[in-house]
């Protein structure tokens, strides 16, 4: 098992919650697809750079999007949260670059907001 992939225990929690409706075309394995989706988000990479071992990138993106619209990811998060009953902690951190003009602002100065600027006559 690779670092970014689901363990057997984790898979056992979420596998029963996944939709299983195929349209006659042989379906790419859900576990493989989820591992690819997780790889993409854990590494911060683009869909284009997901390794081929996880399946076609269009399949990964399409399944991620369809499941997002259908609420599948919300159900998975609820199930995982209940299963681990507070034993997991999630932190969301974002790095946002400051515009070059905002980087040199004086400490303690209030920001200029769009509604603070008088309208041009």
PDB file of N, CA and C in Angstrom:
ATOM      1  N   UNK A   1       0.841  -1.183   0.000  1.00  0.00           N
ATOM      2  CA  UNK A   1       0.000   0.000   0.000  1.00  0.00           C
ATOM      3  C   UNK A   1       0.885   1.245   0.000  1.00  0.00           C
ATOM      4  N   UNK A   2       0.544   2.183  -0.830  1.00  0.00           N
ATOM      5  CA  UNK A   2       1.297   3.435  -0.913  1.00  0.00           C
ATOM      6  C   UNK A   2       0.805   4.422   0.136  1.00  0.00           C
ATOM      7  N   UNK A   3       1.592   5.441   0.367  1.00  0.00           N
ATOM      8  CA  UNK A   3       1.330   6.408   1.419  1.00  0.00           C
ATOM      9  C   UNK A   3      -0.040   7.087   1.303  1.00  0.00           C
ATOM     10  N   UNK A   4      -0.477   7.398   0.096  1.00  0.00           N
ATOM     11  CA  UNK A   4      -1.715   8.147  -0.100  1.00  0.00           C
ATOM     12  C   UNK A   4      -2.936   7.261  -0.282  1.00  0.00           C
ATOM     13  N   UNK A   5      -2.787   5.960  -0.172  1.00  0.00           N
ATOM     14  CA  UNK A   5      -3.890   5.065  -0.500  1.00  0.00           C
ATOM     15  C   UNK A   5      -4.650   4.604   0.730  1.00  0.00           C
ATOM     16  N   UNK A   6      -5.899   4.230   0.511  1.00  0.00           N
ATOM     17  CA  UNK A   6      -6.769   3.780   1.595  1.00  0.00           C
ATOM     18  C   UNK A   6      -6.321   2.424   2.128  1.00  0.00           C
ATOM     19  N   UNK A   7      -6.381   2.269   3.447  1.00  0.00           N
ATOM     20  CA  UNK A   7      -6.108   0.963   4.046  1.00  0.00           C
ATOM     21  C   UNK A   7      -7.353   0.090   3.877  1.00  0.00           C
ATOM     22  N   UNK A   8      -7.233  -1.199   4.139  1.00  0.00           N
ATOM     23  CA  UNK A   8      -8.384  -2.105   4.050  1.00  0.00           C
ATOM     24  C   UNK A   8      -9.478  -1.692   5.034  1.00  0.00           C
ATOM     25  N   UNK A   9      -9.082  -1.240   6.211  1.00  0.00           N
ATOM     26  CA  UNK A   9     -10.057  -0.812   7.225  1.00  0.00           C
ATOM     27  C   UNK A   9     -10.819   0.429   6.755  1.00  0.00           C
ATOM     28  N   UNK A  10     -10.102   1.390   6.197  1.00  0.00           N
ATOM     29  CA  UNK A  10     -10.744   2.604   5.689  1.00  0.00           C
ATOM     30  C   UNK A  10     -11.690   2.267   4.532  1.00  0.00           C
ATOM     31  N   UNK A  11     -11.241   1.375   3.659  1.00  0.00           N
ATOM     32  CA  UNK A  11     -12.063   0.988   2.518  1.00  0.00           C
ATOM     33  C   UNK A  11     -13.341   0.300   2.980  1.00  0.00           C
ATOM     34  N   UNK A  12     -13.253  -0.515   4.025  1.00  0.00           N
ATOM     35  CA  UNK A  12     -14.428  -1.226   4.538  1.00  0.00           C
ATOM     36  C   UNK A  12     -15.491  -0.251   5.046  1.00  0.00           C
ATOM     37  N   UNK A  13     -15.067   0.910   5.534  1.00  0.00           N
ATOM     38  CA  UNK A  13     -16.012   1.907   6.043  1.00  0.00           C
ATOM     39  C   UNK A  13     -16.758   2.589   4.892  1.00  0.00           C
ATOM     40  N   UNK A  14     -16.053   2.927   3.824  1.00  0.00           N
ATOM     41  CA  UNK A  14     -16.686   3.729   2.774  1.00  0.00           C
ATOM     42  C   UNK A  14     -17.245   2.928   1.597  1.00  0.00           C
ATOM     43  N   UNK A  15     -16.755   1.736   1.347  1.00  0.00           N
ATOM     44  CA  UNK A  15     -17.188   0.968   0.170  1.00  0.00           C
ATOM     45  C   UNK A  15     -18.701   0.776   0.090  1.00  0.00           C
ATOM     46  N   UNK A  16     -19.390   0.447   1.193  1.00  0.00           N
ATOM     47  CA  UNK A  16     -20.837   0.240   1.084  1.00  0.00           C
ATOM     48  C   UNK A  16     -21.626   1.508   0.746  1.00  0.00           C
ATOM     49  N   UNK A  17     -21.024   2.673   0.890  1.00  0.00           N
ATOM     50  CA  UNK A  17     -21.733   3.941   0.667  1.00  0.00           C
ATOM     51  C   UNK A  17     -21.613   4.469  -0.757  1.00  0.00           C
ATOM     52  N   UNK A  18     -20.817   3.815  -1.576  1.00  0.00           N
ATOM     53  CA  UNK A  18     -20.573   4.308  -2.935  1.00  0.00           C
ATOM     54  C   UNK A  18     -21.680   3.869  -3.888  1.00  0.00           C
ATOM     55  N   UNK A  19     -22.065   4.752  -4.814  1.00  0.00           N
ATOM     56  CA  UNK A  19     -23.055   4.363  -5.818  1.00  0.00           C
ATOM     57  C   UNK A  19     -22.479   3.275  -6.720  1.00  0.00           C
ATOM     58  N   UNK A  20     -23.312   2.381  -7.145  1.00  0.00           N
ATOM     59  CA  UNK A  20     -22.837   1.263  -7.966  1.00  0.00           C
ATOM     60  C   UNK A  20     -23.718   1.107  -9.195  1.00  0.00           C
ATOM     61  N   UNK A  21     -23.808   2.168  -9.973  1.00  0.00           N
ATOM     62  CA  UNK A  21     -24.637   2.112 -11.172  1.00  0.00           C
ATOM     63  C   UNK A  21     -23.758   2.285 -12.405  1.00  0.00           C
ATOM     64  N   UNK A  22     -23.521   1.196 -13.092  1.00  0.00           N
ATOM     65  CA  UNK A  22     -22.701   1.282 -14.302  1.00  0.00           C
ATOM     66  C   UNK A  22     -23.628   1.262 -15.511  1.00  0.00           C
ATOM     67  N   UNK A  23     -23.129   1.775 -16.608  1.00  0.00           N
ATOM     68  CA  UNK A  23     -23.940   1.915 -17.822  1.00  0.00           C
ATOM     69  C   UNK A  23     -23.513   0.942 -18.904  1.00  0.00           C
ATOM     70  N   UNK A  24     -23.135  -0.243 -18.544  1.00  0.00           N
ATOM     71  CA  UNK A  24     -22.737  -1.224 -19.538  1.00  0.00           C
ATOM     72  C   UNK A  24     -21.255  -1.215 -19.854  1.00  0.00           C
ATOM     73  N   UNK A  25     -20.582  -0.102 -19.601  1.00  0.00           N
ATOM     74  CA  UNK A  25     -19.149  -0.013 -19.831  1.00  0.00           C
ATOM     75  C   UNK A  25     -18.454  -0.553 -18.590  1.00  0.00           C
ATOM     76  N   UNK A  26     -17.365  -1.309 -18.800  1.00  0.00           N
ATOM     77  CA  UNK A  26     -16.646  -1.845 -17.647  1.00  0.00           C
ATOM     78  C   UNK A  26     -16.147  -0.690 -16.789  1.00  0.00           C
ATOM     79  N   UNK A  27     -16.491  -0.752 -15.537  1.00  0.00           N
ATOM     80  CA  UNK A  27     -16.238   0.340 -14.598  1.00  0.00           C
ATOM     81  C   UNK A  27     -14.835   0.236 -14.009  1.00  0.00           C
ATOM     82  N   UNK A  28     -14.140   1.389 -13.926  1.00  0.00           N
ATOM     83  CA  UNK A  28     -12.841   1.433 -13.258  1.00  0.00           C
ATOM     84  C   UNK A  28     -13.106   1.258 -11.772  1.00  0.00           C
ATOM     85  N   UNK A  29     -12.312   0.433 -11.114  1.00  0.00           N
ATOM     86  CA  UNK A  29     -12.486   0.093  -9.708  1.00  0.00           C
ATOM     87  C   UNK A  29     -12.594   1.345  -8.833  1.00  0.00           C
ATOM     88  N   UNK A  30     -13.640   1.392  -7.994  1.00  0.00           N
ATOM     89  CA  UNK A  30     -13.876   2.562  -7.147  1.00  0.00           C
ATOM     90  C   UNK A  30     -12.715   2.840  -6.193  1.00  0.00           C
ATOM     91  N   UNK A  31     -12.142   1.803  -5.634  1.00  0.00           N
ATOM     92  CA  UNK A  31     -11.032   2.008  -4.695  1.00  0.00           C
ATOM     93  C   UNK A  31      -9.840   2.652  -5.399  1.00  0.00           C
ATOM     94  N   UNK A  32      -9.565   2.184  -6.582  1.00  0.00           N
ATOM     95  CA  UNK A  32      -8.473   2.742  -7.392  1.00  0.00           C
ATOM     96  C   UNK A  32      -8.741   4.211  -7.719  1.00  0.00           C
ATOM     97  N   UNK A  33      -9.989   4.514  -8.081  1.00  0.00           N
ATOM     98  CA  UNK A  33     -10.364   5.889  -8.416  1.00  0.00           C
ATOM     99  C   UNK A  33     -10.264   6.791  -7.190  1.00  0.00           C
ATOM    100  N   UNK A  34     -10.774   6.340  -6.051  1.00  0.00           N
ATOM    101  CA  UNK A  34     -10.706   7.154  -4.834  1.00  0.00           C
ATOM    102  C   UNK A  34      -9.256   7.377  -4.435  1.00  0.00           C
ATOM    103  N   UNK A  35      -8.429   6.370  -4.554  1.00  0.00           N
ATOM    104  CA  UNK A  35      -7.012   6.552  -4.252  1.00  0.00           C
ATOM    105  C   UNK A  35      -6.397   7.616  -5.162  1.00  0.00           C
ATOM    106  N   UNK A  36      -6.787   7.628  -6.424  1.00  0.00           N
ATOM    107  CA  UNK A  36      -6.295   8.658  -7.353  1.00  0.00           C
ATOM    108  C   UNK A  36      -6.786  10.044  -6.991  1.00  0.00           C
ATOM    109  N   UNK A  37      -8.054  10.141  -6.593  1.00  0.00           N
ATOM    110  CA  UNK A  37      -8.614  11.431  -6.184  1.00  0.00           C
ATOM    111  C   UNK A  37      -7.900  11.924  -4.926  1.00  0.00           C
ATOM    112  N   UNK A  38      -7.696  11.030  -3.977  1.00  0.00           N
ATOM    113  CA  UNK A  38      -6.987  11.409  -2.753  1.00  0.00           C
ATOM    114  C   UNK A  38      -5.550  11.821  -3.060  1.00  0.00           C
ATOM    115  N   UNK A  39      -4.902  11.096  -3.962  1.00  0.00           N
ATOM    116  CA  UNK A  39      -3.534  11.455  -4.351  1.00  0.00           C
ATOM    117  C   UNK A  39      -3.501  12.878  -4.892  1.00  0.00           C
ATOM    118  N   UNK A  40      -4.460  13.189  -5.744  1.00  0.00           N
ATOM    119  CA  UNK A  40      -4.517  14.512  -6.363  1.00  0.00           C
ATOM    120  C   UNK A  40      -4.651  15.612  -5.314  1.00  0.00           C
ATOM    121  N   UNK A  41      -5.562  15.428  -4.350  1.00  0.00           N
ATOM    122  CA  UNK A  41      -5.785  16.477  -3.359  1.00  0.00           C
ATOM    123  C   UNK A  41      -4.702  16.520  -2.291  1.00  0.00           C
ATOM    124  N   UNK A  42      -4.143  15.387  -1.953  1.00  0.00           N
ATOM    125  CA  UNK A  42      -3.085  15.383  -0.944  1.00  0.00           C
ATOM    126  C   UNK A  42      -1.789  15.979  -1.467  1.00  0.00           C
ATOM    127  N   UNK A  43      -1.543  15.849  -2.741  1.00  0.00           N
ATOM    128  CA  UNK A  43      -0.309  16.390  -3.311  1.00  0.00           C
ATOM    129  C   UNK A  43      -0.482  17.808  -3.837  1.00  0.00           C
ATOM    130  N   UNK A  44      -1.727  18.231  -4.037  1.00  0.00           N
ATOM    131  CA  UNK A  44      -1.971  19.555  -4.599  1.00  0.00           C
ATOM    132  C   UNK A  44      -1.710  19.612  -6.090  1.00  0.00           C
ATOM    133  N   UNK A  45      -1.626  18.480  -6.710  1.00  0.00           N
ATOM    134  CA  UNK A  45      -1.322  18.394  -8.134  1.00  0.00           C
ATOM    135  C   UNK A  45      -2.574  18.665  -8.967  1.00  0.00           C
ATOM    136  N   UNK A  46      -2.389  18.784 -10.262  1.00  0.00           N
ATOM    137  CA  UNK A  46      -3.538  18.931 -11.161  1.00  0.00           C
ATOM    138  C   UNK A  46      -4.022  17.537 -11.572  1.00  0.00           C
ATOM    139  N   UNK A  47      -5.219  17.483 -12.126  1.00  0.00           N
ATOM    140  CA  UNK A  47      -5.752  16.196 -12.590  1.00  0.00           C
ATOM    141  C   UNK A  47      -4.831  15.595 -13.647  1.00  0.00           C
ATOM    142  N   UNK A  48      -4.218  16.425 -14.435  1.00  0.00           N
ATOM    143  CA  UNK A  48      -3.350  15.965 -15.517  1.00  0.00           C
ATOM    144  C   UNK A  48      -2.154  15.170 -14.995  1.00  0.00           C
ATOM    145  N   UNK A  49      -1.720  15.455 -13.767  1.00  0.00           N
ATOM    146  CA  UNK A  49      -0.521  14.818 -13.233  1.00  0.00           C
ATOM    147  C   UNK A  49      -0.780  13.586 -12.364  1.00  0.00           C
ATOM    148  N   UNK A  50      -2.027  13.178 -12.229  1.00  0.00           N
ATOM    149  CA  UNK A  50      -2.318  11.983 -11.438  1.00  0.00           C
ATOM    150  C   UNK A  50      -1.712  10.771 -12.146  1.00  0.00           C
ATOM    151  N   UNK A  51      -0.967   9.933 -11.421  1.00  0.00           N
ATOM    152  CA  UNK A  51      -0.335   8.770 -12.061  1.00  0.00           C
ATOM    153  C   UNK A  51      -1.354   7.840 -12.722  1.00  0.00           C
ATOM    154  N   UNK A  52      -0.941   7.236 -13.827  1.00  0.00           N
ATOM    155  CA  UNK A  52      -1.818   6.360 -14.607  1.00  0.00           C
ATOM    156  C   UNK A  52      -2.289   5.135 -13.833  1.00  0.00           C
ATOM    157  N   UNK A  53      -1.575   4.754 -12.781  1.00  0.00           N
ATOM    158  CA  UNK A  53      -1.968   3.562 -12.010  1.00  0.00           C
ATOM    159  C   UNK A  53      -3.353   3.707 -11.377  1.00  0.00           C
ATOM    160  N   UNK A  54      -3.844   4.964 -11.280  1.00  0.00           N
ATOM    161  CA  UNK A  54      -5.155   5.209 -10.693  1.00  0.00           C
ATOM    162  C   UNK A  54      -6.276   5.230 -11.724  1.00  0.00           C
ATOM    163  N   UNK A  55      -5.928   5.089 -12.977  1.00  0.00           N
ATOM    164  CA  UNK A  55      -6.932   5.090 -14.034  1.00  0.00           C
ATOM    165  C   UNK A  55      -6.871   6.374 -14.837  1.00  0.00           C
ATOM    166  N   UNK A  56      -7.712   6.467 -15.864  1.00  0.00           N
ATOM    167  CA  UNK A  56      -7.726   7.662 -16.707  1.00  0.00           C
ATOM    168  C   UNK A  56      -8.110   8.899 -15.899  1.00  0.00           C
ATOM    169  N   UNK A  57      -7.405   9.986 -16.124  1.00  0.00           N
ATOM    170  CA  UNK A  57      -7.668  11.204 -15.338  1.00  0.00           C
ATOM    171  C   UNK A  57      -9.070  11.735 -15.580  1.00  0.00           C
ATOM    172  N   UNK A  58      -9.612  11.520 -16.779  1.00  0.00           N
ATOM    173  CA  UNK A  58     -10.983  11.971 -17.032  1.00  0.00           C
ATOM    174  C   UNK A  58     -11.974  11.185 -16.178  1.00  0.00           C
ATOM    175  N   UNK A  59     -11.702   9.906 -15.972  1.00  0.00           N
ATOM    176  CA  UNK A  59     -12.566   9.092 -15.114  1.00  0.00           C
ATOM    177  C   UNK A  59     -12.516   9.606 -13.685  1.00  0.00           C
ATOM    178  N   UNK A  60     -11.323   9.893 -13.197  1.00  0.00           N
ATOM    179  CA  UNK A  60     -11.177  10.399 -11.835  1.00  0.00           C
ATOM    180  C   UNK A  60     -11.924  11.716 -11.673  1.00  0.00           C
ATOM    181  N   UNK A  61     -11.711  12.643 -12.597  1.00  0.00           N
ATOM    182  CA  UNK A  61     -12.362  13.949 -12.499  1.00  0.00           C
ATOM    183  C   UNK A  61     -13.879  13.825 -12.606  1.00  0.00           C
ATOM    184  N   UNK A  62     -14.350  13.041 -13.598  1.00  0.00           N
ATOM    185  CA  UNK A  62     -15.796  12.902 -13.794  1.00  0.00           C
ATOM    186  C   UNK A  62     -16.468  12.254 -12.589  1.00  0.00           C
ATOM    187  N   UNK A  63     -15.845  11.232 -12.040  1.00  0.00           N
ATOM    188  CA  UNK A  63     -16.450  10.568 -10.890  1.00  0.00           C
ATOM    189  C   UNK A  63     -16.432  11.485  -9.669  1.00  0.00           C
ATOM    190  N   UNK A  64     -15.333  12.211  -9.481  1.00  0.00           N
ATOM    191  CA  UNK A  64     -15.275  13.168  -8.378  1.00  0.00           C
ATOM    192  C   UNK A  64     -16.402  14.190  -8.512  1.00  0.00           C
ATOM    193  N   UNK A  65     -16.580  14.747  -9.700  1.00  0.00           N
ATOM    194  CA  UNK A  65     -17.600  15.772  -9.940  1.00  0.00           C
ATOM    195  C   UNK A  65     -19.012  15.222  -9.763  1.00  0.00           C
ATOM    196  N   UNK A  66     -19.270  14.054 -10.341  1.00  0.00           N
ATOM    197  CA  UNK A  66     -20.601  13.454 -10.209  1.00  0.00           C
ATOM    198  C   UNK A  66     -20.933  13.147  -8.760  1.00  0.00           C
ATOM    199  N   UNK A  67     -19.975  12.593  -8.041  1.00  0.00           N
ATOM    200  CA  UNK A  67     -20.199  12.260  -6.632  1.00  0.00           C
ATOM    201  C   UNK A  67     -20.367  13.518  -5.792  1.00  0.00           C
ATOM    202  N   UNK A  68     -19.680  14.596  -6.153  1.00  0.00           N
ATOM    203  CA  UNK A  68     -19.843  15.854  -5.423  1.00  0.00           C
ATOM    204  C   UNK A  68     -21.271  16.364  -5.597  1.00  0.00           C
ATOM    205  N   UNK A  69     -21.761  16.354  -6.825  1.00  0.00           N
ATOM    206  CA  UNK A  69     -23.124  16.828  -7.091  1.00  0.00           C
ATOM    207  C   UNK A  69     -24.173  15.945  -6.433  1.00  0.00           C
ATOM    208  N   UNK A  70     -23.885  14.648  -6.326  1.00  0.00           N
ATOM    209  CA  UNK A  70     -24.842  13.704  -5.739  1.00  0.00           C
ATOM    210  C   UNK A  70     -24.748  13.629  -4.207  1.00  0.00           C
ATOM    211  N   UNK A  71     -23.791  14.336  -3.608  1.00  0.00           N
ATOM    212  CA  UNK A  71     -23.663  14.329  -2.152  1.00  0.00           C
ATOM    213  C   UNK A  71     -22.936  13.113  -1.586  1.00  0.00           C
ATOM    214  N   UNK A  72     -22.289  12.355  -2.447  1.00  0.00           N
ATOM    215  CA  UNK A  72     -21.579  11.148  -1.998  1.00  0.00           C
ATOM    216  C   UNK A  72     -20.449  11.507  -1.038  1.00  0.00           C
ATOM    217  N   UNK A  73     -19.694  12.552  -1.340  1.00  0.00           N
ATOM    218  CA  UNK A  73     -18.559  12.923  -0.485  1.00  0.00           C
ATOM    219  C   UNK A  73     -19.031  13.333   0.908  1.00  0.00           C
ATOM    220  N   UNK A  74     -20.174  14.003   0.984  1.00  0.00           N
ATOM    221  CA  UNK A  74     -20.724  14.372   2.295  1.00  0.00           C
ATOM    222  C   UNK A  74     -21.087  13.132   3.106  1.00  0.00           C
ATOM    223  N   UNK A  75     -21.699  12.154   2.444  1.00  0.00           N
ATOM    224  CA  UNK A  75     -22.049  10.901   3.141  1.00  0.00           C
ATOM    225  C   UNK A  75     -20.802  10.157   3.608  1.00  0.00           C
ATOM    226  N   UNK A  76     -19.762  10.162   2.763  1.00  0.00           N
ATOM    227  CA  UNK A  76     -18.521   9.489   3.157  1.00  0.00           C
ATOM    228  C   UNK A  76     -17.894  10.172   4.366  1.00  0.00           C
ATOM    229  N   UNK A  77     -17.878  11.501   4.371  1.00  0.00           N
ATOM    230  CA  UNK A  77     -17.313  12.232   5.496  1.00  0.00           C
ATOM    231  C   UNK A  77     -18.098  11.962   6.777  1.00  0.00           C
ATOM    232  N   UNK A  78     -19.422  11.927   6.677  1.00  0.00           N
ATOM    233  CA  UNK A  78     -20.247  11.615   7.847  1.00  0.00           C
ATOM    234  C   UNK A  78     -19.944  10.221   8.384  1.00  0.00           C
ATOM    235  N   UNK A  79     -19.831   9.253   7.482  1.00  0.00           N
ATOM    236  CA  UNK A  79     -19.566   7.875   7.895  1.00  0.00           C
ATOM    237  C   UNK A  79     -18.198   7.736   8.553  1.00  0.00           C
ATOM    238  N   UNK A  80     -17.205   8.374   7.972  1.00  0.00           N
ATOM    239  CA  UNK A  80     -15.857   8.309   8.537  1.00  0.00           C
ATOM    240  C   UNK A  80     -15.822   8.993   9.897  1.00  0.00           C
ATOM    241  N   UNK A  81     -16.503  10.133  10.020  1.00  0.00           N
ATOM    242  CA  UNK A  81     -16.547  10.847  11.296  1.00  0.00           C
ATOM    243  C   UNK A  81     -17.202   9.998  12.379  1.00  0.00           C
ATOM    244  N   UNK A  82     -18.305   9.336  12.029  1.00  0.00           N
ATOM    245  CA  UNK A  82     -18.987   8.469  13.011  1.00  0.00           C
ATOM    246  C   UNK A  82     -18.126   7.270  13.376  1.00  0.00           C
ATOM    247  N   UNK A  83     -17.467   6.696  12.383  1.00  0.00           N
ATOM    248  CA  UNK A  83     -16.651   5.495  12.610  1.00  0.00           C
ATOM    249  C   UNK A  83     -15.499   5.770  13.562  1.00  0.00           C
ATOM    250  N   UNK A  84     -14.868   6.922  13.404  1.00  0.00           N
ATOM    251  CA  UNK A  84     -13.702   7.229  14.220  1.00  0.00           C
ATOM    252  C   UNK A  84     -14.053   8.072  15.444  1.00  0.00           C
ATOM    253  N   UNK A  85     -15.307   8.468  15.577  1.00  0.00           N
ATOM    254  CA  UNK A  85     -15.857   9.102  16.773  1.00  0.00           C
ATOM    255  C   UNK A  85     -14.909  10.096  17.433  1.00  0.00           C
ATOM    256  N   UNK A  86     -14.482  11.083  16.682  1.00  0.00           N
ATOM    257  CA  UNK A  86     -13.651  12.142  17.253  1.00  0.00           C
ATOM    258  C   UNK A  86     -12.174  11.825  17.305  1.00  0.00           C
ATOM    259  N   UNK A  87     -11.759  10.687  16.753  1.00  0.00           N
ATOM    260  CA  UNK A  87     -10.344  10.336  16.767  1.00  0.00           C
ATOM    261  C   UNK A  87      -9.566  10.939  15.605  1.00  0.00           C
ATOM    262  N   UNK A  88     -10.249  11.642  14.725  1.00  0.00           N
ATOM    263  CA  UNK A  88      -9.552  12.277  13.618  1.00  0.00           C
ATOM    264  C   UNK A  88      -9.720  13.790  13.729  1.00  0.00           C
ATOM    265  N   UNK A  89      -8.709  14.488  13.287  1.00  0.00           N
ATOM    266  CA  UNK A  89      -8.728  15.940  13.301  1.00  0.00           C
ATOM    267  C   UNK A  89      -8.419  16.403  11.890  1.00  0.00           C
ATOM    268  N   UNK A  90      -9.220  17.323  11.384  1.00  0.00           N
ATOM    269  CA  UNK A  90      -9.003  17.845  10.046  1.00  0.00           C
ATOM    270  C   UNK A  90      -8.644  19.315  10.147  1.00  0.00           C
ATOM    271  N   UNK A  91      -7.637  19.694   9.441  1.00  0.00           N
ATOM    272  CA  UNK A  91      -7.207  21.085   9.418  1.00  0.00           C
ATOM    273  C   UNK A  91      -7.149  21.530   7.970  1.00  0.00           C
ATOM    274  N   UNK A  92      -7.734  22.665   7.688  1.00  0.00           N
ATOM    275  CA  UNK A  92      -7.684  23.222   6.351  1.00  0.00           C
ATOM    276  C   UNK A  92      -6.806  24.453   6.409  1.00  0.00           C
ATOM    277  N   UNK A  93      -5.726  24.418   5.694  1.00  0.00           N
ATOM    278  CA  UNK A  93      -4.872  25.610   5.646  1.00  0.00           C
ATOM    279  C   UNK A  93      -4.699  26.004   4.200  1.00  0.00           C
ATOM    280  N   UNK A  94      -4.698  27.279   3.982  1.00  0.00           N
ATOM    281  CA  UNK A  94      -4.528  27.796   2.638  1.00  0.00           C
ATOM    282  C   UNK A  94      -3.424  28.840   2.644  1.00  0.00           C
ATOM    283  N   UNK A  95      -2.624  28.809   1.626  1.00  0.00           N
ATOM    284  CA  UNK A  95      -1.602  29.831   1.462  1.00  0.00           C
ATOM    285  C   UNK A  95      -2.058  30.736   0.326  1.00  0.00           C
ATOM    286  N   UNK A  96      -2.165  32.002   0.627  1.00  0.00           N
ATOM    287  CA  UNK A  96      -2.597  32.956  -0.369  1.00  0.00           C
ATOM    288  C   UNK A  96      -1.545  34.043  -0.457  1.00  0.00           C
ATOM    289  N   UNK A  97      -1.024  34.252  -1.629  1.00  0.00           N
ATOM    290  CA  UNK A  97      -0.002  35.283  -1.813  1.00  0.00           C
ATOM    291  C   UNK A  97      -0.653  36.657  -1.755  1.00  0.00           C
ATOM    292  N   UNK A  98       0.029  37.550  -1.117  1.00  0.00           N
ATOM    293  CA  UNK A  98      -0.428  38.934  -1.030  1.00  0.00           C
ATOM    294  C   UNK A  98       0.016  39.656  -2.282  1.00  0.00           C
ATOM    295  N   UNK A  99      -0.846  40.530  -2.775  1.00  0.00           N
ATOM    296  CA  UNK A  99      -0.492  41.345  -3.934  1.00  0.00           C
ATOM    297  C   UNK A  99       0.744  42.170  -3.587  1.00  0.00           C
ATOM    298  N   UNK A 100       1.567  42.462  -4.557  1.00  0.00           N
ATOM    299  CA  UNK A 100       2.828  43.163  -4.310  1.00  0.00           C
ATOM    300  C   UNK A 100       2.634  44.499  -3.601  1.00  0.00           C
ATOM    301  N   UNK A 101       1.515  45.181  -3.824  1.00  0.00           N
ATOM    302  CA  UNK A 101       1.280  46.466  -3.178  1.00  0.00           C
ATOM    303  C   UNK A 101       0.803  46.294  -1.737  1.00  0.00           C
ATOM    304  N   UNK A 102       0.253  45.132  -1.420  1.00  0.00           N
ATOM    305  CA  UNK A 102      -0.226  44.885  -0.067  1.00  0.00           C
ATOM    306  C   UNK A 102       0.865  44.370   0.845  1.00  0.00           C
ATOM    307  N   UNK A 103       1.956  43.906   0.292  1.00  0.00           N
ATOM    308  CA  UNK A 103       3.025  43.312   1.095  1.00  0.00           C
ATOM    309  C   UNK A 103       3.783  44.338   1.913  1.00  0.00           C
ATOM    310  N   UNK A 104       3.785  45.604   1.497  1.00  0.00           N
ATOM    311  CA  UNK A 104       4.556  46.626   2.195  1.00  0.00           C
ATOM    312  C   UNK A 104       3.705  47.531   3.073  1.00  0.00           C
ATOM    313  N   UNK A 105       2.484  47.122   3.383  1.00  0.00           N
ATOM    314  CA  UNK A 105       1.611  47.953   4.209  1.00  0.00           C
ATOM    315  C   UNK A 105       2.184  48.088   5.614  1.00  0.00           C
ATOM    316  N   UNK A 106       1.916  49.239   6.242  1.00  0.00           N
ATOM    317  CA  UNK A 106       2.392  49.457   7.605  1.00  0.00           C
ATOM    318  C   UNK A 106       1.657  48.539   8.559  1.00  0.00           C
ATOM    319  N   UNK A 107       2.373  48.045   9.555  1.00  0.00           N
ATOM    320  CA  UNK A 107       1.750  47.177  10.545  1.00  0.00           C
ATOM    321  C   UNK A 107       0.722  47.970  11.332  1.00  0.00           C
ATOM    322  N   UNK A 108      -0.430  47.362  11.549  1.00  0.00           N
ATOM    323  CA  UNK A 108      -1.477  48.008  12.320  1.00  0.00           C
ATOM    324  C   UNK A 108      -2.363  48.916  11.495  1.00  0.00           C
ATOM    325  N   UNK A 109      -2.013  49.159  10.240  1.00  0.00           N
ATOM    326  CA  UNK A 109      -2.844  50.023   9.396  1.00  0.00           C
ATOM    327  C   UNK A 109      -4.103  49.280   8.990  1.00  0.00           C
ATOM    328  N   UNK A 110      -5.201  50.006   8.916  1.00  0.00           N
ATOM    329  CA  UNK A 110      -6.458  49.405   8.492  1.00  0.00           C
ATOM    330  C   UNK A 110      -6.462  49.242   6.979  1.00  0.00           C
ATOM    331  N   UNK A 111      -7.030  48.158   6.487  1.00  0.00           N
ATOM    332  CA  UNK A 111      -7.083  47.973   5.036  1.00  0.00           C
ATOM    333  C   UNK A 111      -8.081  48.940   4.405  1.00  0.00           C
ATOM    334  N   UNK A 112      -7.837  49.303   3.175  1.00  0.00           N
ATOM    335  CA  UNK A 112      -8.765  50.150   2.433  1.00  0.00           C
ATOM    336  C   UNK A 112      -9.772  49.228   1.766  1.00  0.00           C
ATOM    337  N   UNK A 113     -11.019  49.398   2.091  1.00  0.00           N
ATOM    338  CA  UNK A 113     -12.068  48.570   1.526  1.00  0.00           C
ATOM    339  C   UNK A 113     -12.720  49.294   0.365  1.00  0.00           C
ATOM    340  N   UNK A 114     -13.280  48.553  -0.546  1.00  0.00           N
ATOM    341  CA  UNK A 114     -13.870  49.130  -1.760  1.00  0.00           C
ATOM    342  C   UNK A 114     -14.949  50.150  -1.433  1.00  0.00           C
ATOM    343  N   UNK A 115     -15.737  49.932  -0.375  1.00  0.00           N
ATOM    344  CA  UNK A 115     -16.809  50.870  -0.055  1.00  0.00           C
ATOM    345  C   UNK A 115     -16.302  52.105   0.701  1.00  0.00           C
ATOM    346  N   UNK A 116     -15.020  52.121   1.099  1.00  0.00           N
ATOM    347  CA  UNK A 116     -14.420  53.284   1.755  1.00  0.00           C
ATOM    348  C   UNK A 116     -13.901  54.299   0.746  1.00  0.00           C
ATOM    349  N   UNK A 117     -13.745  53.899  -0.478  1.00  0.00           N
ATOM    350  CA  UNK A 117     -13.191  54.773  -1.514  1.00  0.00           C
ATOM    351  C   UNK A 117     -14.321  55.593  -2.106  1.00  0.00           C
ATOM    352  N   UNK A 118     -14.185  56.926  -2.139  1.00  0.00           N
ATOM    353  CA  UNK A 118     -15.258  57.761  -2.705  1.00  0.00           C
ATOM    354  C   UNK A 118     -15.424  57.481  -4.196  1.00  0.00           C
ATOM    355  N   UNK A 119     -16.655  57.536  -4.645  1.00  0.00           N
ATOM    356  CA  UNK A 119     -16.973  57.287  -6.066  1.00  0.00           C
ATOM    357  C   UNK A 119     -16.470  58.447  -6.890  1.00  0.00           C
ATOM    358  N   UNK A 120     -16.004  58.154  -8.095  1.00  0.00           N
ATOM    359  CA  UNK A 120     -15.525  59.198  -9.013  1.00  0.00           C
ATOM    360  C   UNK A 120     -16.719  59.985  -9.518  1.00  0.00           C
ATOM    361  N   UNK A 121     -16.543  61.288  -9.618  1.00  0.00           N
ATOM    362  CA  UNK A 121     -17.649  62.154 -10.049  1.00  0.00           C
ATOM    363  C   UNK A 121     -17.818  62.159 -11.530  1.00  0.00           C
TER     364      UNK A 121
END
